[in-house]
Amino acid sequence: MSEFVNYLLFGWFPYLAVTVMIVGSILRFDTNQYSWRSQSSQFLRRKQMMLGSNLFHLGILVLLGGHLVGLLTPIELFDYVGVSHEFKQLMALIVGGIAGAAAFAGCTLLLHRRLSDPRIRRSSATLDIAVLVLIWLQILLGLSTTYWTIQHVDGREMVNFMAWANGLLTLQPGSANFIIDTHIVYKLHIILGLLLFLITPFTRLVHVFSAPIWYLFRPGYQIVRTRRGKGVPPRATEPFGGAPAYTAGPATDRAFIEEVQ
């Protein structure tokens, strides 16, 4: 790959993709909030959807977290805490391989469900299926890099990617040169990932920014039921402050209920 093309794809395109993702998502949320949803069709083939969705989301969350921590954490910090590059590379292979396999299996189930069931296929937009295919290809590319990663268990290749990502984060020109000689599979994996960032504001992928984390911290609630008979109005109570409540007459509550019944 020529130096110019490498600089264009890995020096400029990352900024373009991230900028469009952030600005486009904000504009969509501000102008069209009703389209900000995942558009689930879980009432059809629910078991397959639940299995595929759980495997996919669990695996993809681990992969995203691992990529963010592994790429954006400064190399000096790992060196300072005593985490060797070999150990980090080994953990990436093990944890990333398990999470990637789970995400790939879940995405395959979700894609098969949408393509094989005529009812789900009719209710699925072409763009939704295209995004799911792109994610499936992205996970497949990530798993395929395992073969070349095993050949660099010393962590040299991983250090190059960390230097590239940290260089972009700190706006250092020439960061793309760190990965100019890496294998084409890694580069395709990066380009497809950036493409997913780029199309996020225009697809259902925006729902990743609306994960209901706050449900984990909301207080509990209590359901209160009344034993009041059918057709009986609620019992008059004293208002706040101790003032006498208004009643229709001097009759007691029991007499009042009998009169109503």
Protein backbone atom coordinates (compact mmCIF):
# COMPACT_ATOMS: atom_id res chain seq x y z
CA MET A 1 0.00 0.00 0.00
CA SER A 2 1.41 3.36 -1.02
CA GLU A 3 2.28 5.93 1.61
CA PHE A 4 -0.37 8.38 0.36
CA VAL A 5 -3.20 5.85 0.44
CA ASN A 6 -2.06 4.61 3.84
CA TYR A 7 -2.04 8.20 5.17
CA LEU A 8 -5.48 8.85 3.68
CA LEU A 9 -7.08 5.73 5.16
CA PHE A 10 -5.36 5.65 8.54
CA GLY A 11 -4.43 9.29 9.04
CA TRP A 12 -7.50 11.22 7.86
CA PHE A 13 -10.37 8.75 7.59
CA PRO A 14 -10.45 7.99 11.37
CA TYR A 15 -11.08 11.68 12.15
CA LEU A 16 -13.78 11.89 9.49
CA ALA A 17 -15.56 8.75 10.71
CA VAL A 18 -15.52 9.72 14.40
CA THR A 19 -16.60 13.32 13.64
CA VAL A 20 -19.55 12.19 11.52
CA MET A 21 -20.55 9.65 14.17
CA ILE A 22 -20.56 12.20 17.01
CA VAL A 23 -22.03 15.21 15.19
CA GLY A 24 -24.50 13.16 13.17
CA SER A 25 -25.77 11.30 16.25
CA ILE A 26 -26.30 14.58 18.13
CA LEU A 27 -28.19 16.10 15.21
CA ARG A 28 -30.36 13.01 14.80
CA PHE A 29 -31.21 12.95 18.49
CA ASP A 30 -32.05 16.65 18.39
CA THR A 31 -34.22 16.54 15.25
CA ASN A 32 -35.67 13.02 15.07
CA GLN A 33 -35.77 11.31 18.46
CA TYR A 34 -38.64 9.00 17.46
CA SER A 35 -36.28 7.18 15.07
CA TRP A 36 -33.75 6.59 17.88
CA ARG A 37 -34.56 2.97 18.62
CA SER A 38 -33.41 -0.57 17.88
CA GLN A 39 -36.67 -1.55 16.11
CA SER A 40 -36.85 -4.99 17.65
CA SER A 41 -39.01 -7.77 16.16
CA GLN A 42 -38.71 -10.14 19.10
CA PHE A 43 -42.34 -11.28 18.96
CA LEU A 44 -41.30 -13.42 15.96
CA ARG A 45 -39.03 -16.43 16.63
CA ARG A 46 -38.34 -15.11 20.10
CA LYS A 47 -36.12 -17.98 21.30
CA GLN A 48 -33.65 -17.65 18.43
CA MET A 49 -33.64 -13.87 18.80
CA MET A 50 -32.98 -14.01 22.54
CA LEU A 51 -30.13 -16.51 22.19
CA GLY A 52 -28.53 -14.67 19.30
CA SER A 53 -28.99 -11.24 20.86
CA ASN A 54 -27.51 -12.25 24.21
CA LEU A 55 -24.48 -13.93 22.62
CA PHE A 56 -23.93 -11.04 20.22
CA HIS A 57 -24.28 -8.20 22.71
CA LEU A 58 -22.22 -9.91 25.40
CA GLY A 59 -19.42 -10.68 22.98
CA ILE A 60 -19.46 -7.32 21.22
CA LEU A 61 -19.39 -5.36 24.49
CA VAL A 62 -16.31 -7.28 25.63
CA LEU A 63 -14.66 -6.70 22.25
CA LEU A 64 -15.41 -2.97 22.24
CA GLY A 65 -14.15 -2.57 25.77
CA GLY A 66 -11.01 -4.55 25.00
CA HIS A 67 -10.28 -2.54 21.86
CA LEU A 68 -10.80 0.80 23.60
CA VAL A 69 -8.63 -0.09 26.59
CA GLY A 70 -6.03 -1.95 24.58
CA LEU A 71 -5.59 0.69 21.87
CA LEU A 72 -6.16 4.00 23.65
CA THR A 73 -4.27 3.30 26.88
CA PRO A 74 -0.77 4.80 26.64
CA ILE A 75 1.98 2.22 26.26
CA GLU A 76 3.91 3.85 29.09
CA LEU A 77 1.06 3.11 31.49
CA PHE A 78 1.25 -0.63 30.81
CA ASP A 79 5.01 -0.48 31.24
CA TYR A 80 4.65 1.46 34.49
CA VAL A 81 2.26 -1.07 36.09
CA GLY A 82 4.41 -3.97 34.92
CA VAL A 83 2.09 -5.48 32.27
CA SER A 84 4.33 -6.97 29.60
CA HIS A 85 3.44 -6.83 25.93
CA GLU A 86 3.55 -10.61 25.72
CA PHE A 87 1.01 -10.98 28.54
CA LYS A 88 -1.27 -8.34 27.03
CA GLN A 89 -1.09 -10.04 23.65
CA LEU A 90 -1.89 -13.43 25.19
CA MET A 91 -4.89 -12.04 27.09
CA ALA A 92 -6.12 -10.36 23.91
CA LEU A 93 -5.94 -13.69 22.10
CA ILE A 94 -7.77 -15.63 24.81
CA VAL A 95 -10.41 -13.13 25.91
CA GLY A 96 -10.84 -11.64 22.47
CA GLY A 97 -11.10 -15.09 20.89
CA ILE A 98 -13.84 -16.22 23.27
CA ALA A 99 -15.77 -12.95 22.99
CA GLY A 100 -15.35 -12.90 19.23
CA ALA A 101 -16.64 -16.46 18.89
CA ALA A 102 -19.70 -15.60 21.01
CA ALA A 103 -20.38 -12.42 19.03
CA PHE A 104 -19.95 -14.25 15.71
CA ALA A 105 -22.33 -17.05 16.75
CA GLY A 106 -24.91 -14.54 17.98
CA CYS A 107 -24.65 -12.37 14.88
CA THR A 108 -24.97 -15.45 12.65
CA LEU A 109 -28.17 -16.45 14.47
CA LEU A 110 -29.60 -12.94 14.14
CA LEU A 111 -28.70 -12.74 10.46
CA HIS A 112 -30.14 -16.21 9.74
CA ARG A 113 -33.33 -15.26 11.57
CA ARG A 114 -33.84 -12.15 9.48
CA LEU A 115 -33.06 -13.80 6.15
CA SER A 116 -34.79 -17.16 6.60
CA ASP A 117 -38.15 -16.06 8.03
CA PRO A 118 -40.34 -14.36 5.36
CA ARG A 119 -42.31 -12.36 7.94
CA ILE A 120 -39.19 -10.98 9.59
CA ARG A 121 -37.62 -10.33 6.20
CA ARG A 122 -40.62 -8.25 5.12
CA SER A 123 -40.49 -6.21 8.32
CA SER A 124 -36.72 -5.61 8.05
CA ALA A 125 -35.36 -2.62 6.18
CA THR A 126 -32.67 -3.26 3.60
CA LEU A 127 -30.31 -0.99 5.54
CA ASP A 128 -30.83 -3.02 8.73
CA ILE A 129 -29.82 -6.22 6.96
CA ALA A 130 -26.85 -4.49 5.31
CA VAL A 131 -25.60 -3.24 8.70
CA LEU A 132 -25.94 -6.72 10.18
CA VAL A 133 -23.95 -8.17 7.26
CA LEU A 134 -21.22 -5.56 7.77
CA ILE A 135 -21.01 -6.39 11.48
CA TRP A 136 -20.85 -10.11 10.63
CA LEU A 137 -17.98 -9.47 8.20
CA GLN A 138 -16.22 -7.26 10.74
CA ILE A 139 -16.31 -9.96 13.42
CA LEU A 140 -15.15 -12.54 10.87
CA LEU A 141 -12.19 -10.34 9.91
CA GLY A 142 -11.34 -9.86 13.57
CA LEU A 143 -11.34 -13.61 14.17
CA SER A 144 -9.25 -14.21 11.06
CA THR A 145 -6.48 -11.95 12.42
CA THR A 146 -5.83 -14.60 15.08
CA TYR A 147 -3.67 -16.56 12.63
CA TRP A 148 -1.26 -13.63 12.12
CA THR A 149 -1.44 -12.53 15.75
CA ILE A 150 -0.19 -15.92 16.94
CA GLN A 151 2.91 -15.36 14.84
CA HIS A 152 3.64 -12.20 16.85
CA VAL A 153 3.04 -13.33 20.42
CA ASP A 154 5.85 -11.03 21.54
CA GLY A 155 3.44 -8.10 21.12
CA ARG A 156 5.37 -6.19 18.46
CA GLU A 157 2.38 -5.84 16.14
CA MET A 158 0.15 -4.83 19.02
CA VAL A 159 2.58 -2.07 20.03
CA ASN A 160 2.38 -0.65 16.50
CA PHE A 161 -1.41 -0.45 16.69
CA MET A 162 -1.25 1.15 20.13
CA ALA A 163 1.24 3.75 18.85
CA TRP A 164 -1.05 4.46 15.89
CA ALA A 165 -4.18 4.88 18.02
CA ASN A 166 -2.42 6.99 20.65
CA GLY A 167 -0.91 9.14 17.90
CA LEU A 168 -4.35 9.83 16.46
CA LEU A 169 -5.72 10.59 19.92
CA THR A 170 -2.99 13.14 20.58
CA LEU A 171 -3.21 14.63 17.05
CA GLN A 172 0.29 13.60 16.04
CA PRO A 173 0.95 13.85 12.29
CA GLY A 174 2.41 10.79 10.67
CA SER A 175 0.71 8.31 13.02
CA ALA A 176 -0.39 6.24 10.03
CA ASN A 177 3.24 5.27 9.41
CA PHE A 178 3.16 2.98 12.45
CA ILE A 179 0.94 0.49 10.61
CA ILE A 180 2.06 1.00 7.02
CA ASP A 181 3.68 -2.45 6.89
CA THR A 182 1.04 -4.44 8.79
CA HIS A 183 -0.89 -7.24 7.12
CA ILE A 184 -3.80 -6.32 4.87
CA VAL A 185 -6.25 -8.28 7.08
CA TYR A 186 -5.61 -5.91 9.98
CA LYS A 187 -6.07 -2.91 7.72
CA LEU A 188 -9.35 -4.21 6.32
CA HIS A 189 -10.52 -4.81 9.88
CA ILE A 190 -9.74 -1.20 10.80
CA ILE A 191 -11.31 0.28 7.67
CA LEU A 192 -14.55 -1.68 8.11
CA GLY A 193 -14.70 -0.67 11.77
CA LEU A 194 -14.30 3.00 10.84
CA LEU A 195 -16.99 2.57 8.17
CA LEU A 196 -19.38 1.32 10.86
CA PHE A 197 -18.59 4.44 12.88
CA LEU A 198 -19.30 6.58 9.82
CA ILE A 199 -22.76 5.12 9.13
CA THR A 200 -23.85 4.95 12.78
CA PRO A 201 -25.97 8.18 12.76
CA PHE A 202 -27.94 6.96 9.74
CA THR A 203 -28.78 3.49 11.04
CA ARG A 204 -30.18 1.75 14.08
CA LEU A 205 -26.66 1.56 15.49
CA VAL A 206 -27.34 4.84 17.31
CA HIS A 207 -29.16 2.87 20.02
CA VAL A 208 -25.75 1.91 21.44
CA PHE A 209 -25.63 5.42 22.93
CA SER A 210 -28.94 4.85 24.72
CA ALA A 211 -28.14 1.77 26.76
CA PRO A 212 -30.52 1.85 29.79
CA ILE A 213 -27.73 1.75 32.39
CA TRP A 214 -29.79 3.90 34.76
CA TYR A 215 -32.21 1.00 35.30
CA LEU A 216 -29.51 -0.64 37.41
CA PHE A 217 -29.58 2.26 39.87
CA ARG A 218 -33.26 3.18 40.01
CA PRO A 219 -34.99 2.76 43.40
CA GLY A 220 -37.46 -0.02 44.02
CA TYR A 221 -41.20 0.45 43.86
CA GLN A 222 -44.17 -1.00 45.74
CA ILE A 223 -47.56 -1.96 44.34
CA VAL A 224 -50.44 -1.10 46.70
CA ARG A 225 -53.88 -2.65 46.21
CA THR A 226 -57.12 -1.68 47.87
CA ARG A 227 -59.80 -4.00 49.26
CA ARG A 228 -62.56 -1.60 48.29
CA GLY A 229 -65.61 -3.21 46.79
CA LYS A 230 -66.63 -2.64 43.22
CA GLY A 231 -68.44 0.63 42.72
CA VAL A 232 -67.50 1.97 46.16
CA PRO A 233 -65.85 5.41 46.09
CA PRO A 234 -62.58 5.88 47.96
CA ARG A 235 -62.74 6.61 51.64
CA ALA A 236 -62.47 10.26 52.59
CA THR A 237 -59.27 11.06 54.45
CA GLU A 238 -58.08 14.04 56.34
CA PRO A 239 -56.09 16.47 54.26
CA PHE A 240 -52.58 17.45 55.11
CA GLY A 241 -52.43 19.62 58.23
CA GLY A 242 -55.12 17.86 60.26
CA ALA A 243 -58.12 19.79 58.94
CA PRO A 244 -61.39 17.80 59.02
CA ALA A 245 -62.21 16.01 55.79
CA TYR A 246 -65.37 16.85 53.87
CA THR A 247 -68.14 14.27 54.14
CA ALA A 248 -71.67 14.23 52.76
CA GLY A 249 -73.24 13.79 56.17
CA PRO A 250 -72.80 12.46 59.67
CA ALA A 251 -73.17 8.85 58.58
CA THR A 252 -70.31 6.50 59.39
CA ASP A 253 -68.21 4.85 56.72
CA ARG A 254 -70.17 1.57 57.00
CA ALA A 255 -73.51 3.30 56.69
CA PHE A 256 -72.24 5.31 53.75
CA ILE A 257 -71.03 2.18 51.93
CA GLU A 258 -74.36 0.38 52.58
CA GLU A 259 -76.21 3.36 51.25
CA VAL A 260 -74.15 3.38 48.07
CA GLN A 261 -74.56 -0.36 47.55
